[in-house]
C-alpha atoms as a PDB file:
ATOM      1  CA  MET A   1      99.303  39.377 127.828  1.00  0.00           C
ATOM      2  CA  LYS A   2      96.615  40.906 125.672  1.00  0.00           C
ATOM      3  CA  SER A   3      93.044  40.078 126.414  1.00  0.00           C
ATOM      4  CA  ARG A   4      90.548  40.019 123.576  1.00  0.00           C
ATOM      5  CA  LEU A   5      87.354  41.964 124.030  1.00  0.00           C
ATOM      6  CA  ASN A   6      84.198  40.785 122.396  1.00  0.00           C
ATOM      7  CA  SER A   7      82.456  43.177 120.025  1.00  0.00           C
ATOM      8  CA  TRP A   8      79.939  44.281 122.678  1.00  0.00           C
ATOM      9  CA  ALA A   9      82.734  45.193 125.111  1.00  0.00           C
ATOM     10  CA  GLN A  10      84.626  47.080 122.400  1.00  0.00           C
ATOM     11  CA  LYS A  11      81.520  49.076 121.455  1.00  0.00           C
ATOM     12  CA  ARG A  12      80.816  49.815 125.116  1.00  0.00           C
ATOM     13  CA  LEU A  13      84.409  50.966 125.703  1.00  0.00           C
ATOM     14  CA  CYS A  14      84.327  53.218 122.618  1.00  0.00           C
ATOM     15  CA  GLY A  15      80.966  54.593 123.726  1.00  0.00           C
ATOM     16  CA  LEU A  16      82.333  55.407 127.170  1.00  0.00           C
ATOM     17  CA  LEU A  17      85.349  57.125 125.641  1.00  0.00           C
ATOM     18  CA  LEU A  18      83.153  59.222 123.363  1.00  0.00           C
ATOM     19  CA  ASP A  19      80.821  60.075 126.265  1.00  0.00           C
ATOM     20  CA  ASN A  20      83.832  61.136 128.332  1.00  0.00           C
ATOM     21  CA  SER A  21      85.129  63.231 125.422  1.00  0.00           C
ATOM     22  CA  ARG A  22      81.760  64.967 125.058  1.00  0.00           C
ATOM     23  CA  ALA A  23      81.542  65.635 128.787  1.00  0.00           C
ATOM     24  CA  MET A  24      85.082  66.957 128.754  1.00  0.00           C
ATOM     25  CA  LEU A  25      84.276  69.275 125.831  1.00  0.00           C
ATOM     26  CA  GLU A  26      81.256  70.663 127.651  1.00  0.00           C
ATOM     27  CA  ALA A  27      83.298  71.241 130.797  1.00  0.00           C
ATOM     28  CA  MET A  28      86.117  72.861 128.850  1.00  0.00           C
ATOM     29  CA  SER A  29      83.918  75.069 126.679  1.00  0.00           C
ATOM     30  CA  SER A  30      83.810  77.675 129.415  1.00  0.00           C
ATOM     31  CA  THR A  31      87.588  77.666 129.871  1.00  0.00           C
ATOM     32  CA  GLU A  32      89.786  80.206 128.199  1.00  0.00           C
ATOM     33  CA  CYS A  33      91.835  77.712 126.203  1.00  0.00           C
ATOM     34  CA  ILE A  34      89.181  76.561 123.744  1.00  0.00           C
ATOM     35  CA  GLU A  35      87.639  79.842 122.703  1.00  0.00           C
ATOM     36  CA  PRO A  36      89.577  82.659 124.339  1.00  0.00           C
ATOM     37  CA  GLN A  37      88.195  86.133 124.763  1.00  0.00           C
ATOM     38  CA  ARG A  38      90.245  88.945 123.336  1.00  0.00           C
ATOM     39  CA  ARG A  39      92.454  90.396 126.000  1.00  0.00           C
ATOM     40  CA  ALA A  40      92.502  94.033 126.874  1.00  0.00           C
ATOM     41  CA  ARG A  41      96.240  94.314 126.177  1.00  0.00           C
ATOM     42  CA  GLY A  42      95.722  96.884 123.510  1.00  0.00           C
ATOM     43  CA  LYS A  43      93.148  98.030 121.058  1.00  0.00           C
ATOM     44  CA  GLY A  44      92.429  95.060 118.766  1.00  0.00           C
ATOM     45  CA  ALA A  45      95.314  92.990 120.143  1.00  0.00           C
ATOM     46  CA  PRO A  46      94.726  89.287 119.441  1.00  0.00           C
ATOM     47  CA  GLY A  47      94.684  86.751 122.255  1.00  0.00           C
ATOM     48  CA  PRO A  48      96.235  83.300 122.204  1.00  0.00           C
ATOM     49  CA  VAL A  49      95.461  80.899 119.363  1.00  0.00           C
ATOM     50  CA  ALA A  50      92.983  78.179 120.344  1.00  0.00           C
ATOM     51  CA  PHE A  51      90.920  75.306 118.971  1.00  0.00           C
ATOM     52  CA  ASN A  52      87.213  75.802 118.498  1.00  0.00           C
ATOM     53  CA  ARG A  53      84.693  73.147 119.501  1.00  0.00           C
ATOM     54  CA  SER A  54      84.348  71.477 116.080  1.00  0.00           C
ATOM     55  CA  GLU A  55      88.120  71.222 115.614  1.00  0.00           C
ATOM     56  CA  LEU A  56      88.586  69.736 119.063  1.00  0.00           C
ATOM     57  CA  THR A  57      85.743  67.267 118.441  1.00  0.00           C
ATOM     58  CA  ARG A  58      87.457  65.980 115.277  1.00  0.00           C
ATOM     59  CA  ILE A  59      90.823  65.668 117.018  1.00  0.00           C
ATOM     60  CA  LEU A  60      89.337  63.895 120.045  1.00  0.00           C
ATOM     61  CA  GLY A  61      87.496  61.505 117.715  1.00  0.00           C
ATOM     62  CA  VAL A  62      90.798  60.319 116.243  1.00  0.00           C
ATOM     63  CA  TYR A  63      92.344  60.284 119.706  1.00  0.00           C
ATOM     64  CA  GLY A  64      89.499  58.110 121.048  1.00  0.00           C
ATOM     65  CA  HIS A  65      90.077  55.411 118.416  1.00  0.00           C
ATOM     66  CA  PHE A  66      93.706  55.029 119.412  1.00  0.00           C
ATOM     67  CA  VAL A  67      92.954  55.122 123.145  1.00  0.00           C
ATOM     68  CA  ALA A  68      90.420  52.314 122.645  1.00  0.00           C
ATOM     69  CA  ALA A  69      93.112  50.323 120.839  1.00  0.00           C
ATOM     70  CA  GLY A  70      95.553  50.917 123.713  1.00  0.00           C
ATOM     71  CA  GLU A  71      98.069  52.883 121.628  1.00  0.00           C
ATOM     72  CA  TRP A  72      97.736  56.323 123.217  1.00  0.00           C
ATOM     73  CA  ARG A  73      97.128  57.180 126.839  1.00  0.00           C
ATOM     74  CA  ASP A  74      97.378  60.919 127.457  1.00  0.00           C
ATOM     75  CA  TYR A  75      97.185  64.306 125.775  1.00  0.00           C
ATOM     76  CA  ALA A  76      97.859  67.974 126.443  1.00  0.00           C
ATOM     77  CA  ILE A  77      96.448  71.172 124.974  1.00  0.00           C
ATOM     78  CA  ASP A  78      98.591  74.305 124.790  1.00  0.00           C
ATOM     79  CA  CYS A  79      97.237  77.670 123.695  1.00  0.00           C
ATOM     80  CA  LEU A  80     100.160  79.921 122.862  1.00  0.00           C
ATOM     81  CA  SER A  81     100.334  83.350 121.283  1.00  0.00           C
ATOM     82  CA  GLU A  82     101.245  82.061 117.787  1.00  0.00           C
ATOM     83  CA  ARG A  83      99.884  78.509 117.787  1.00  0.00           C
ATOM     84  CA  ALA A  84      97.621  75.994 119.497  1.00  0.00           C
ATOM     85  CA  VAL A  85      99.043  72.508 120.088  1.00  0.00           C
ATOM     86  CA  PHE A  86      97.324  69.190 120.829  1.00  0.00           C
ATOM     87  CA  SER A  87     100.096  66.838 122.016  1.00  0.00           C
ATOM     88  CA  ILE A  88      99.575  63.070 122.086  1.00  0.00           C
ATOM     89  CA  PHE A  89     101.484  60.854 124.527  1.00  0.00           C
ATOM     90  CA  ARG A  90     101.887  57.120 124.935  1.00  0.00           C
ATOM     91  CA  LYS A  91     102.692  57.686 128.617  1.00  0.00           C
ATOM     92  CA  ALA A  92     102.371  60.908 130.589  1.00  0.00           C
ATOM     93  CA  SER A  93     106.086  61.101 131.354  1.00  0.00           C
ATOM     94  CA  GLU A  94     107.271  60.855 127.744  1.00  0.00           C
ATOM     95  CA  MET A  95     107.848  63.299 124.942  1.00  0.00           C
ATOM     96  CA  PRO A  96     104.744  63.585 122.751  1.00  0.00           C
ATOM     97  CA  LEU A  97     104.408  61.007 119.961  1.00  0.00           C
ATOM     98  CA  TYR A  98     102.581  63.509 117.763  1.00  0.00           C
ATOM     99  CA  ARG A  99     101.649  67.164 117.877  1.00  0.00           C
ATOM    100  CA  ILE A 100      98.679  68.535 115.970  1.00  0.00           C
ATOM    101  CA  GLU A 101      99.376  72.239 115.541  1.00  0.00           C
ATOM    102  CA  LYS A 102      97.186  75.107 114.423  1.00  0.00           C
ATOM    103  CA  ARG A 103      99.144  78.134 113.186  1.00  0.00           C
ATOM    104  CA  PRO A 104      96.863  80.785 111.696  1.00  0.00           C
ATOM    105  CA  SER A 105      99.860  82.816 110.514  1.00  0.00           C
ATOM    106  CA  LEU A 106     100.565  80.081 107.910  1.00  0.00           C
ATOM    107  CA  ALA A 107      96.950  79.881 106.668  1.00  0.00           C
ATOM    108  CA  ARG A 108      97.709  81.595 103.356  1.00  0.00           C
ATOM    109  CA  ARG A 109     100.985  79.792 102.796  1.00  0.00           C
ATOM    110  CA  GLN A 110     101.311  76.054 103.481  1.00  0.00           C
ATOM    111  CA  GLY A 111      98.157  75.797 105.539  1.00  0.00           C
ATOM    112  CA  GLN A 112      97.456  76.414 109.192  1.00  0.00           C
ATOM    113  CA  TRP A 113      97.303  72.732 110.235  1.00  0.00           C
ATOM    114  CA  MET A 114     100.203  70.328 110.644  1.00  0.00           C
ATOM    115  CA  VAL A 115     100.989  66.992 112.264  1.00  0.00           C
ATOM    116  CA  VAL A 116     104.497  66.763 113.687  1.00  0.00           C
ATOM    117  CA  SER A 117     106.153  63.505 114.778  1.00  0.00           C
ATOM    118  CA  MET A 118     108.252  62.905 117.889  1.00  0.00           C
ATOM    119  CA  THR A 119     111.432  63.577 115.912  1.00  0.00           C
ATOM    120  CA  GLY A 120     110.163  66.953 114.703  1.00  0.00           C
ATOM    121  CA  ALA A 121     109.427  65.810 111.151  1.00  0.00           C
ATOM    122  CA  ILE A 122     106.287  67.327 109.651  1.00  0.00           C
ATOM    123  CA  LEU A 123     104.152  64.351 108.588  1.00  0.00           C
ATOM    124  CA  LYS A 124     101.359  66.316 106.948  1.00  0.00           C
ATOM    125  CA  ARG A 125     100.491  69.965 106.427  1.00  0.00           C
ATOM    126  CA  GLY A 126      97.394  71.533 104.965  1.00  0.00           C
ATOM    127  CA  HIS A 127      94.559  74.023 104.978  1.00  0.00           C
ATOM    128  CA  GLN A 128      91.834  71.603 106.164  1.00  0.00           C
ATOM    129  CA  LEU A 129      91.950  69.704 109.463  1.00  0.00           C
ATOM    130  CA  ASN A 130      90.208  66.632 107.993  1.00  0.00           C
ATOM    131  CA  GLN A 131      92.906  66.276 105.322  1.00  0.00           C
ATOM    132  CA  VAL A 132      95.704  66.591 107.862  1.00  0.00           C
ATOM    133  CA  LEU A 133      94.150  64.016 110.208  1.00  0.00           C
ATOM    134  CA  LYS A 134      94.122  61.457 107.379  1.00  0.00           C
ATOM    135  CA  VAL A 135      97.762  60.767 108.216  1.00  0.00           C
ATOM    136  CA  PHE A 136      96.410  58.667 111.105  1.00  0.00           C
ATOM    137  CA  ASP A 137      94.189  56.543 108.804  1.00  0.00           C
ATOM    138  CA  ARG A 138      97.150  54.369 107.829  1.00  0.00           C
ATOM    139  CA  GLN A 139      97.805  53.617 111.486  1.00  0.00           C
ATOM    140  CA  LYS A 140      94.129  52.763 112.048  1.00  0.00           C
ATOM    141  CA  LEU A 141      94.423  50.146 109.307  1.00  0.00           C
ATOM    142  CA  LYS A 142      97.450  48.638 111.031  1.00  0.00           C
ATOM    143  CA  LEU A 143      95.503  48.437 114.308  1.00  0.00           C
ATOM    144  CA  ALA A 144      92.597  46.662 112.611  1.00  0.00           C
ATOM    145  CA  THR A 145      94.774  43.861 111.225  1.00  0.00           C
END
């Protein structure tokens, strides 16, 4: 049974989610996953790929809208040697619904950003994160109606 929230409660819930996202970003900014230091593996050897603060802020903004609507419930961030992945889950025990991937090695080809569905299909690929995240705009419209 769905309960309807009045507009004040919806704004308050969205505000709390954004406050939590900001607090989480500040706490995570000192961790190695967001902006890793180059490792001393070799002279000039690159470290793992990671999201910077502005990229993570944009991704968490989209994530917050869907959490407020009750569609998404959990996420994971993976910083690997060739890519960084933001996985979105409906429940923590499931396979991810979507993966937002950053692959700098593809920056000069198809673009370093891509959104991948649960089935492995690439929904959108591009050079700019804002353009790639527009794939979720259609779903936001469905939630509003």
